[in-house]
């Protein structure tokens, strides 16, 4: 329904204010507290820990996307990601005009629990991650590799006009923070259509492991584990697309559409989550 038909509070004329309306109102209130006054961009990129009040925004997108294909998605997410919350940083793209979350990404840092993606390779694919790295010719650097554990875009933002810039903003943040915090590599298990789109649009940021077939994983019927070495990706971008290389390495270029985070503050937050991950685990 066109937004011009929507009531300012989030409901619609002539319809009782439902629980869903109330939940969206609560999200708008949280978003309103994040968006700086005078911010003109349609979108904005924000970061938080799972325990922060603002985490309600990215967690809403994550849960909503999982609920499209999984019953009791909320319980599943707690079971799957709860053990790693001590080492988690959440990225959220906000629609600053609607004051609602449009997309999110969950990063998991190394801790004594390891990375969720690598822990899941054995049970799902039947191969220990060390064997996958060895037969693909990749040297795994455990201290400088983080986990892109989820990447979710709300349904109303999956049209090409939105999805492209949202994906670029999330990938830019991973790239810039990775450079600043010395997380030079990433692992992920990606839904096959999403992986193909990222490989095509962004000049193959990911390496697929040798002799691995797509399998069902969480809400996806076909996913693949992948690896990204930041320096290799940046080298390909420099050779093939100088504009995209600058966007991904300088943290600039998307400002007309997406308000970037304060890169110094974002790097400090990422470094803090990384440094405290094991300590916070031991204190639980």
C-alpha atoms as a PDB file:
ATOM      1  CA  UNK A   1       0.000   0.000   0.000  1.00  0.00           C
ATOM      2  CA  UNK A   2       1.443   3.453  -0.818  1.00  0.00           C
ATOM      3  CA  UNK A   3       3.032   5.121   2.159  1.00  0.00           C
ATOM      4  CA  UNK A   4       0.897   8.252   1.593  1.00  0.00           C
ATOM      5  CA  UNK A   5      -2.101   6.182   2.739  1.00  0.00           C
ATOM      6  CA  UNK A   6      -0.425   5.307   6.001  1.00  0.00           C
ATOM      7  CA  UNK A   7      -1.336   6.932   9.286  1.00  0.00           C
ATOM      8  CA  UNK A   8       1.575   8.881  10.835  1.00  0.00           C
ATOM      9  CA  UNK A   9       1.683   6.512  13.800  1.00  0.00           C
ATOM     10  CA  UNK A  10       2.242   3.544  11.515  1.00  0.00           C
ATOM     11  CA  UNK A  11      -1.333   2.246  11.343  1.00  0.00           C
ATOM     12  CA  UNK A  12      -3.947   2.812   8.666  1.00  0.00           C
ATOM     13  CA  UNK A  13      -7.123   4.915   8.742  1.00  0.00           C
ATOM     14  CA  UNK A  14     -10.155   2.941   9.805  1.00  0.00           C
ATOM     15  CA  UNK A  15      -8.164  -0.018  11.134  1.00  0.00           C
ATOM     16  CA  UNK A  16      -7.659  -0.789  14.843  1.00  0.00           C
ATOM     17  CA  UNK A  17      -4.120  -0.355  16.091  1.00  0.00           C
ATOM     18  CA  UNK A  18      -2.834  -3.949  16.082  1.00  0.00           C
ATOM     19  CA  UNK A  19       0.024  -5.602  17.932  1.00  0.00           C
ATOM     20  CA  UNK A  20       2.026  -5.411  14.709  1.00  0.00           C
ATOM     21  CA  UNK A  21       1.388  -1.664  14.494  1.00  0.00           C
ATOM     22  CA  UNK A  22       2.518  -1.274  18.102  1.00  0.00           C
ATOM     23  CA  UNK A  23       5.711  -3.235  17.388  1.00  0.00           C
ATOM     24  CA  UNK A  24       6.489  -1.025  14.397  1.00  0.00           C
ATOM     25  CA  UNK A  25       5.822   2.075  16.464  1.00  0.00           C
ATOM     26  CA  UNK A  26       8.344   0.814  19.021  1.00  0.00           C
ATOM     27  CA  UNK A  27      10.908   0.251  16.287  1.00  0.00           C
ATOM     28  CA  UNK A  28      10.310   3.749  14.925  1.00  0.00           C
ATOM     29  CA  UNK A  29      10.907   5.186  18.374  1.00  0.00           C
ATOM     30  CA  UNK A  30      14.239   3.356  18.647  1.00  0.00           C
ATOM     31  CA  UNK A  31      15.223   4.403  15.126  1.00  0.00           C
ATOM     32  CA  UNK A  32      14.289   7.993  15.821  1.00  0.00           C
ATOM     33  CA  UNK A  33      16.764   8.021  18.684  1.00  0.00           C
ATOM     34  CA  UNK A  34      19.578   6.934  16.370  1.00  0.00           C
ATOM     35  CA  UNK A  35      19.044   9.140  13.327  1.00  0.00           C
ATOM     36  CA  UNK A  36      20.825  12.497  13.730  1.00  0.00           C
ATOM     37  CA  UNK A  37      18.671  15.554  13.272  1.00  0.00           C
ATOM     38  CA  UNK A  38      19.173  17.043   9.850  1.00  0.00           C
ATOM     39  CA  UNK A  39      20.280  13.769   8.260  1.00  0.00           C
ATOM     40  CA  UNK A  40      19.111  13.988   4.638  1.00  0.00           C
ATOM     41  CA  UNK A  41      20.023  10.553   3.273  1.00  0.00           C
ATOM     42  CA  UNK A  42      17.256   8.023   2.629  1.00  0.00           C
ATOM     43  CA  UNK A  43      19.313   5.321   4.380  1.00  0.00           C
ATOM     44  CA  UNK A  44      21.803   5.115   7.214  1.00  0.00           C
ATOM     45  CA  UNK A  45      24.234   2.463   8.468  1.00  0.00           C
ATOM     46  CA  UNK A  46      24.387   1.841  12.231  1.00  0.00           C
ATOM     47  CA  UNK A  47      26.227  -0.648  14.448  1.00  0.00           C
ATOM     48  CA  UNK A  48      25.396  -2.091  17.861  1.00  0.00           C
ATOM     49  CA  UNK A  49      25.906  -5.011  20.223  1.00  0.00           C
ATOM     50  CA  UNK A  50      23.105  -7.559  20.761  1.00  0.00           C
ATOM     51  CA  UNK A  51      22.471  -6.222  24.273  1.00  0.00           C
ATOM     52  CA  UNK A  52      22.014  -2.606  23.136  1.00  0.00           C
ATOM     53  CA  UNK A  53      18.427  -1.261  22.919  1.00  0.00           C
ATOM     54  CA  UNK A  54      19.059  -0.390  19.266  1.00  0.00           C
ATOM     55  CA  UNK A  55      19.651  -4.092  18.526  1.00  0.00           C
ATOM     56  CA  UNK A  56      15.861  -4.425  18.285  1.00  0.00           C
ATOM     57  CA  UNK A  57      16.170  -2.966  14.772  1.00  0.00           C
ATOM     58  CA  UNK A  58      18.540  -5.466  13.099  1.00  0.00           C
ATOM     59  CA  UNK A  59      17.110  -8.358  15.126  1.00  0.00           C
ATOM     60  CA  UNK A  60      13.631  -7.527  13.808  1.00  0.00           C
ATOM     61  CA  UNK A  61      14.865  -7.891  10.226  1.00  0.00           C
ATOM     62  CA  UNK A  62      16.734 -11.102  10.982  1.00  0.00           C
ATOM     63  CA  UNK A  63      13.754 -12.710  12.716  1.00  0.00           C
ATOM     64  CA  UNK A  64      11.305 -11.553  10.039  1.00  0.00           C
ATOM     65  CA  UNK A  65      13.386 -13.031   7.230  1.00  0.00           C
ATOM     66  CA  UNK A  66      13.772 -16.363   9.022  1.00  0.00           C
ATOM     67  CA  UNK A  67      10.033 -16.422   9.736  1.00  0.00           C
ATOM     68  CA  UNK A  68       9.374 -16.484   5.997  1.00  0.00           C
ATOM     69  CA  UNK A  69      10.401 -20.133   5.905  1.00  0.00           C
ATOM     70  CA  UNK A  70      10.808 -21.385   9.486  1.00  0.00           C
ATOM     71  CA  UNK A  71       8.240 -21.852  12.234  1.00  0.00           C
ATOM     72  CA  UNK A  72       9.346 -20.684  15.689  1.00  0.00           C
ATOM     73  CA  UNK A  73      12.149 -18.703  14.073  1.00  0.00           C
ATOM     74  CA  UNK A  74      12.698 -16.687  17.235  1.00  0.00           C
ATOM     75  CA  UNK A  75      13.514 -19.806  19.253  1.00  0.00           C
ATOM     76  CA  UNK A  76      15.773 -21.088  16.477  1.00  0.00           C
ATOM     77  CA  UNK A  77      17.759 -17.859  16.389  1.00  0.00           C
ATOM     78  CA  UNK A  78      18.280 -17.960  20.149  1.00  0.00           C
ATOM     79  CA  UNK A  79      19.528 -21.553  19.913  1.00  0.00           C
ATOM     80  CA  UNK A  80      21.752 -20.901  16.909  1.00  0.00           C
ATOM     81  CA  UNK A  81      23.259 -17.528  17.764  1.00  0.00           C
ATOM     82  CA  UNK A  82      22.810 -17.181  21.532  1.00  0.00           C
ATOM     83  CA  UNK A  83      26.096 -18.919  22.385  1.00  0.00           C
ATOM     84  CA  UNK A  84      27.979 -16.413  20.220  1.00  0.00           C
ATOM     85  CA  UNK A  85      26.318 -13.207  21.451  1.00  0.00           C
ATOM     86  CA  UNK A  86      29.350 -12.333  23.562  1.00  0.00           C
ATOM     87  CA  UNK A  87      31.374 -12.011  20.345  1.00  0.00           C
ATOM     88  CA  UNK A  88      28.746 -10.451  18.080  1.00  0.00           C
ATOM     89  CA  UNK A  89      28.468  -7.097  16.327  1.00  0.00           C
ATOM     90  CA  UNK A  90      25.265  -6.187  14.475  1.00  0.00           C
ATOM     91  CA  UNK A  91      25.100  -3.948  11.404  1.00  0.00           C
ATOM     92  CA  UNK A  92      21.797  -2.358  10.441  1.00  0.00           C
ATOM     93  CA  UNK A  93      20.715  -0.332   7.418  1.00  0.00           C
ATOM     94  CA  UNK A  94      17.888   1.998   8.426  1.00  0.00           C
ATOM     95  CA  UNK A  95      15.316   3.556   6.171  1.00  0.00           C
ATOM     96  CA  UNK A  96      15.679   7.030   7.673  1.00  0.00           C
ATOM     97  CA  UNK A  97      12.496   8.352   6.103  1.00  0.00           C
ATOM     98  CA  UNK A  98      10.248   5.556   7.375  1.00  0.00           C
ATOM     99  CA  UNK A  99      12.361   5.084  10.519  1.00  0.00           C
ATOM    100  CA  UNK A 100      12.358   1.320  10.053  1.00  0.00           C
ATOM    101  CA  UNK A 101      15.148  -1.227   9.558  1.00  0.00           C
ATOM    102  CA  UNK A 102      15.752  -2.335   5.967  1.00  0.00           C
ATOM    103  CA  UNK A 103      18.606  -4.833   6.316  1.00  0.00           C
ATOM    104  CA  UNK A 104      21.098  -6.307   8.746  1.00  0.00           C
ATOM    105  CA  UNK A 105      24.314  -8.257   9.003  1.00  0.00           C
ATOM    106  CA  UNK A 106      25.608 -10.283  11.960  1.00  0.00           C
ATOM    107  CA  UNK A 107      29.365 -10.449  12.504  1.00  0.00           C
ATOM    108  CA  UNK A 108      30.872 -12.976  14.917  1.00  0.00           C
ATOM    109  CA  UNK A 109      34.421 -12.445  16.166  1.00  0.00           C
ATOM    110  CA  UNK A 110      36.871 -15.182  17.173  1.00  0.00           C
ATOM    111  CA  UNK A 111      36.472 -16.454  20.716  1.00  0.00           C
ATOM    112  CA  UNK A 112      36.980 -19.678  22.639  1.00  0.00           C
ATOM    113  CA  UNK A 113      33.784 -20.957  21.007  1.00  0.00           C
ATOM    114  CA  UNK A 114      35.227 -20.490  17.533  1.00  0.00           C
ATOM    115  CA  UNK A 115      33.226 -19.187  14.570  1.00  0.00           C
ATOM    116  CA  UNK A 116      29.715 -20.471  13.968  1.00  0.00           C
ATOM    117  CA  UNK A 117      30.243 -20.996  10.240  1.00  0.00           C
ATOM    118  CA  UNK A 118      33.280 -23.184  10.842  1.00  0.00           C
ATOM    119  CA  UNK A 119      31.600 -25.071  13.682  1.00  0.00           C
ATOM    120  CA  UNK A 120      28.663 -25.882  11.392  1.00  0.00           C
ATOM    121  CA  UNK A 121      30.721 -27.235   8.505  1.00  0.00           C
ATOM    122  CA  UNK A 122      31.285 -30.651  10.053  1.00  0.00           C
ATOM    123  CA  UNK A 123      27.654 -31.374  11.005  1.00  0.00           C
ATOM    124  CA  UNK A 124      26.192 -30.048   7.720  1.00  0.00           C
ATOM    125  CA  UNK A 125      28.840 -30.908   5.118  1.00  0.00           C
ATOM    126  CA  UNK A 126      30.538 -33.767   6.931  1.00  0.00           C
ATOM    127  CA  UNK A 127      34.025 -32.281   6.551  1.00  0.00           C
ATOM    128  CA  UNK A 128      36.114 -30.575   9.256  1.00  0.00           C
ATOM    129  CA  UNK A 129      36.876 -26.990   8.350  1.00  0.00           C
ATOM    130  CA  UNK A 130      40.645 -27.586   8.526  1.00  0.00           C
ATOM    131  CA  UNK A 131      40.315 -30.165   5.753  1.00  0.00           C
ATOM    132  CA  UNK A 132      38.282 -27.755   3.590  1.00  0.00           C
ATOM    133  CA  UNK A 133      40.919 -25.042   3.956  1.00  0.00           C
ATOM    134  CA  UNK A 134      43.744 -27.486   3.206  1.00  0.00           C
ATOM    135  CA  UNK A 135      42.245 -28.962   0.050  1.00  0.00           C
ATOM    136  CA  UNK A 136      41.311 -25.500  -1.249  1.00  0.00           C
ATOM    137  CA  UNK A 137      44.848 -24.230  -0.677  1.00  0.00           C
ATOM    138  CA  UNK A 138      43.833 -21.576   1.872  1.00  0.00           C
ATOM    139  CA  UNK A 139      45.888 -20.833   4.967  1.00  0.00           C
ATOM    140  CA  UNK A 140      43.413 -20.178   7.764  1.00  0.00           C
ATOM    141  CA  UNK A 141      44.363 -17.301  10.071  1.00  0.00           C
ATOM    142  CA  UNK A 142      42.186 -17.812  13.144  1.00  0.00           C
ATOM    143  CA  UNK A 143      43.182 -14.557  14.835  1.00  0.00           C
ATOM    144  CA  UNK A 144      42.221 -12.350  11.876  1.00  0.00           C
ATOM    145  CA  UNK A 145      39.119 -14.061  10.474  1.00  0.00           C
ATOM    146  CA  UNK A 146      35.568 -13.177  11.418  1.00  0.00           C
ATOM    147  CA  UNK A 147      32.248 -14.746  10.520  1.00  0.00           C
ATOM    148  CA  UNK A 148      29.506 -13.177   8.401  1.00  0.00           C
ATOM    149  CA  UNK A 149      26.860 -15.201  10.201  1.00  0.00           C
ATOM    150  CA  UNK A 150      23.708 -13.670   8.675  1.00  0.00           C
ATOM    151  CA  UNK A 151      22.878 -11.169   5.960  1.00  0.00           C
ATOM    152  CA  UNK A 152      19.177 -10.362   5.725  1.00  0.00           C
ATOM    153  CA  UNK A 153      17.171  -7.824   3.721  1.00  0.00           C
ATOM    154  CA  UNK A 154      13.541  -7.074   4.549  1.00  0.00           C
ATOM    155  CA  UNK A 155      11.130  -8.107   1.746  1.00  0.00           C
ATOM    156  CA  UNK A 156      10.079  -4.578   0.819  1.00  0.00           C
ATOM    157  CA  UNK A 157      13.743  -3.647   0.145  1.00  0.00           C
ATOM    158  CA  UNK A 158      14.628  -6.528  -2.191  1.00  0.00           C
ATOM    159  CA  UNK A 159      13.785  -4.620  -5.373  1.00  0.00           C
ATOM    160  CA  UNK A 160      16.898  -3.877  -7.407  1.00  0.00           C
ATOM    161  CA  UNK A 161      16.806  -0.154  -6.642  1.00  0.00           C
ATOM    162  CA  UNK A 162      17.118  -0.800  -2.892  1.00  0.00           C
ATOM    163  CA  UNK A 163      18.981  -4.092  -2.724  1.00  0.00           C
ATOM    164  CA  UNK A 164      22.036  -2.925  -4.641  1.00  0.00           C
ATOM    165  CA  UNK A 165      22.851   0.074  -2.484  1.00  0.00           C
ATOM    166  CA  UNK A 166      21.931  -1.736   0.757  1.00  0.00           C
ATOM    167  CA  UNK A 167      24.256  -4.619  -0.074  1.00  0.00           C
ATOM    168  CA  UNK A 168      27.033  -2.226  -1.022  1.00  0.00           C
ATOM    169  CA  UNK A 169      26.678  -0.354   2.270  1.00  0.00           C
ATOM    170  CA  UNK A 170      26.919  -3.558   4.304  1.00  0.00           C
ATOM    171  CA  UNK A 171      29.902  -4.814   2.292  1.00  0.00           C
ATOM    172  CA  UNK A 172      31.601  -1.418   2.527  1.00  0.00           C
ATOM    173  CA  UNK A 173      31.313  -1.589   6.303  1.00  0.00           C
ATOM    174  CA  UNK A 174      32.829  -5.080   6.447  1.00  0.00           C
ATOM    175  CA  UNK A 175      35.639  -3.926   4.163  1.00  0.00           C
ATOM    176  CA  UNK A 176      36.485  -0.705   5.984  1.00  0.00           C
ATOM    177  CA  UNK A 177      36.216  -2.208   9.471  1.00  0.00           C
ATOM    178  CA  UNK A 178      38.204  -5.238   8.370  1.00  0.00           C
ATOM    179  CA  UNK A 179      41.021  -2.983   7.217  1.00  0.00           C
ATOM    180  CA  UNK A 180      40.937  -0.844  10.346  1.00  0.00           C
ATOM    181  CA  UNK A 181      40.661  -3.740  12.814  1.00  0.00           C
ATOM    182  CA  UNK A 182      42.971  -6.152  10.950  1.00  0.00           C
ATOM    183  CA  UNK A 183      40.256  -8.698  10.237  1.00  0.00           C
ATOM    184  CA  UNK A 184      41.753  -9.534   6.887  1.00  0.00           C
ATOM    185  CA  UNK A 185      39.520 -12.555   6.151  1.00  0.00           C
ATOM    186  CA  UNK A 186      35.895 -13.610   6.447  1.00  0.00           C
ATOM    187  CA  UNK A 187      33.978 -16.873   6.362  1.00  0.00           C
ATOM    188  CA  UNK A 188      30.274 -17.298   5.661  1.00  0.00           C
ATOM    189  CA  UNK A 189      27.603 -19.757   4.634  1.00  0.00           C
ATOM    190  CA  UNK A 190      25.534 -17.996   1.997  1.00  0.00           C
ATOM    191  CA  UNK A 191      22.209 -18.767   0.348  1.00  0.00           C
ATOM    192  CA  UNK A 192      23.148 -19.704  -3.210  1.00  0.00           C
ATOM    193  CA  UNK A 193      21.213 -16.915  -5.025  1.00  0.00           C
ATOM    194  CA  UNK A 194      22.699 -14.331  -2.633  1.00  0.00           C
ATOM    195  CA  UNK A 195      26.198 -15.695  -3.204  1.00  0.00           C
ATOM    196  CA  UNK A 196      25.785 -15.598  -6.971  1.00  0.00           C
ATOM    197  CA  UNK A 197      24.519 -12.017  -6.807  1.00  0.00           C
ATOM    198  CA  UNK A 198      27.438 -10.883  -4.633  1.00  0.00           C
ATOM    199  CA  UNK A 199      29.986 -12.625  -6.843  1.00  0.00           C
ATOM    200  CA  UNK A 200      28.535 -10.985  -9.952  1.00  0.00           C
ATOM    201  CA  UNK A 201      27.941  -7.469  -8.624  1.00  0.00           C
ATOM    202  CA  UNK A 202      31.113  -7.137  -6.535  1.00  0.00           C
ATOM    203  CA  UNK A 203      33.721  -8.905  -8.688  1.00  0.00           C
ATOM    204  CA  UNK A 204      33.941 -12.179  -6.798  1.00  0.00           C
ATOM    205  CA  UNK A 205      34.736 -11.213  -3.228  1.00  0.00           C
ATOM    206  CA  UNK A 206      34.381 -14.843  -2.106  1.00  0.00           C
ATOM    207  CA  UNK A 207      36.293 -18.052  -2.778  1.00  0.00           C
ATOM    208  CA  UNK A 208      34.248 -21.257  -2.803  1.00  0.00           C
ATOM    209  CA  UNK A 209      35.776 -24.277  -1.083  1.00  0.00           C
ATOM    210  CA  UNK A 210      36.890 -27.138  -3.321  1.00  0.00           C
ATOM    211  CA  UNK A 211      34.562 -30.095  -3.879  1.00  0.00           C
ATOM    212  CA  UNK A 212      31.673 -28.763  -1.779  1.00  0.00           C
ATOM    213  CA  UNK A 213      28.093 -29.061  -2.965  1.00  0.00           C
ATOM    214  CA  UNK A 214      25.200 -26.783  -1.889  1.00  0.00           C
ATOM    215  CA  UNK A 215      23.209 -28.072   1.084  1.00  0.00           C
ATOM    216  CA  UNK A 216      20.291 -26.889   3.172  1.00  0.00           C
ATOM    217  CA  UNK A 217      21.297 -24.585   6.004  1.00  0.00           C
ATOM    218  CA  UNK A 218      18.981 -22.819   8.461  1.00  0.00           C
ATOM    219  CA  UNK A 219      16.286 -21.144   6.344  1.00  0.00           C
ATOM    220  CA  UNK A 220      18.029 -21.770   2.997  1.00  0.00           C
ATOM    221  CA  UNK A 221      17.421 -24.904   0.896  1.00  0.00           C
ATOM    222  CA  UNK A 222      20.775 -24.459  -0.877  1.00  0.00           C
ATOM    223  CA  UNK A 223      23.813 -22.759   0.675  1.00  0.00           C
ATOM    224  CA  UNK A 224      27.581 -22.870   0.255  1.00  0.00           C
ATOM    225  CA  UNK A 225      30.418 -22.127   2.687  1.00  0.00           C
ATOM    226  CA  UNK A 226      32.783 -19.466   1.350  1.00  0.00           C
ATOM    227  CA  UNK A 227      35.932 -17.586   2.293  1.00  0.00           C
ATOM    228  CA  UNK A 228      37.037 -14.019   1.573  1.00  0.00           C
ATOM    229  CA  UNK A 229      40.543 -12.628   1.813  1.00  0.00           C
ATOM    230  CA  UNK A 230      40.186  -8.873   1.841  1.00  0.00           C
ATOM    231  CA  UNK A 231      43.466  -8.103   0.067  1.00  0.00           C
ATOM    232  CA  UNK A 232      42.633 -10.441  -2.824  1.00  0.00           C
ATOM    233  CA  UNK A 233      39.213  -8.858  -3.291  1.00  0.00           C
ATOM    234  CA  UNK A 234      40.616  -5.351  -3.173  1.00  0.00           C
ATOM    235  CA  UNK A 235      43.223  -6.306  -5.785  1.00  0.00           C
ATOM    236  CA  UNK A 236      40.499  -7.570  -8.136  1.00  0.00           C
ATOM    237  CA  UNK A 237      38.487  -4.398  -7.593  1.00  0.00           C
ATOM    238  CA  UNK A 238      41.521  -2.216  -8.352  1.00  0.00           C
ATOM    239  CA  UNK A 239      42.016  -4.060 -11.646  1.00  0.00           C
ATOM    240  CA  UNK A 240      38.368  -4.171 -12.741  1.00  0.00           C
ATOM    241  CA  UNK A 241      36.432  -1.317 -11.121  1.00  0.00           C
ATOM    242  CA  UNK A 242      38.311   1.632  -9.674  1.00  0.00           C
ATOM    243  CA  UNK A 243      35.158   3.381  -8.467  1.00  0.00           C
ATOM    244  CA  UNK A 244      33.962   0.338  -6.509  1.00  0.00           C
ATOM    245  CA  UNK A 245      37.493  -0.164  -5.163  1.00  0.00           C
ATOM    246  CA  UNK A 246      37.463   3.359  -3.737  1.00  0.00           C
ATOM    247  CA  UNK A 247      34.001   2.841  -2.219  1.00  0.00           C
ATOM    248  CA  UNK A 248      35.104  -0.356  -0.484  1.00  0.00           C
ATOM    249  CA  UNK A 249      38.475   0.880   0.743  1.00  0.00           C
ATOM    250  CA  UNK A 250      37.936   4.552   1.629  1.00  0.00           C
ATOM    251  CA  UNK A 251      34.464   4.392   3.189  1.00  0.00           C
ATOM    252  CA  UNK A 252      33.294   7.109   0.836  1.00  0.00           C
ATOM    253  CA  UNK A 253      31.094   7.208  -2.231  1.00  0.00           C
ATOM    254  CA  UNK A 254      27.690   6.154  -0.923  1.00  0.00           C
ATOM    255  CA  UNK A 255      26.998   9.288   1.130  1.00  0.00           C
ATOM    256  CA  UNK A 256      24.324  10.750  -1.180  1.00  0.00           C
ATOM    257  CA  UNK A 257      22.126   7.724  -0.463  1.00  0.00           C
ATOM    258  CA  UNK A 258      23.470   6.045   2.695  1.00  0.00           C
ATOM    259  CA  UNK A 259      24.704   7.943   5.728  1.00  0.00           C
ATOM    260  CA  UNK A 260      27.897   6.093   6.713  1.00  0.00           C
ATOM    261  CA  UNK A 261      28.794   5.348  10.314  1.00  0.00           C
ATOM    262  CA  UNK A 262      31.432   7.384  12.051  1.00  0.00           C
ATOM    263  CA  UNK A 263      34.280   5.156  10.922  1.00  0.00           C
ATOM    264  CA  UNK A 264      36.513   5.914  13.912  1.00  0.00           C
ATOM    265  CA  UNK A 265      33.696   5.145  16.349  1.00  0.00           C
ATOM    266  CA  UNK A 266      32.678   2.028  14.427  1.00  0.00           C
ATOM    267  CA  UNK A 267      36.237   0.716  14.453  1.00  0.00           C
ATOM    268  CA  UNK A 268      36.501   1.361  18.194  1.00  0.00           C
ATOM    269  CA  UNK A 269      33.273  -0.550  18.811  1.00  0.00           C
ATOM    270  CA  UNK A 270      34.421  -3.480  16.649  1.00  0.00           C
ATOM    271  CA  UNK A 271      37.795  -3.575  18.380  1.00  0.00           C
ATOM    272  CA  UNK A 272      36.096  -3.518  21.781  1.00  0.00           C
ATOM    273  CA  UNK A 273      33.772  -6.403  20.929  1.00  0.00           C
ATOM    274  CA  UNK A 274      36.737  -8.370  19.586  1.00  0.00           C
ATOM    275  CA  UNK A 275      38.990  -7.662  22.559  1.00  0.00           C
ATOM    276  CA  UNK A 276      36.358  -8.452  25.193  1.00  0.00           C
ATOM    277  CA  UNK A 277      34.883 -11.555  23.534  1.00  0.00           C
ATOM    278  CA  UNK A 278      36.777 -14.156  25.542  1.00  0.00           C
ATOM    279  CA  UNK A 279      36.716 -12.136  28.755  1.00  0.00           C
ATOM    280  CA  UNK A 280      32.947 -11.676  28.595  1.00  0.00           C
ATOM    281  CA  UNK A 281      32.499 -15.377  27.873  1.00  0.00           C
ATOM    282  CA  UNK A 282      34.523 -16.355  30.923  1.00  0.00           C
ATOM    283  CA  UNK A 283      32.579 -13.978  33.168  1.00  0.00           C
ATOM    284  CA  UNK A 284      29.200 -15.466  32.201  1.00  0.00           C
END
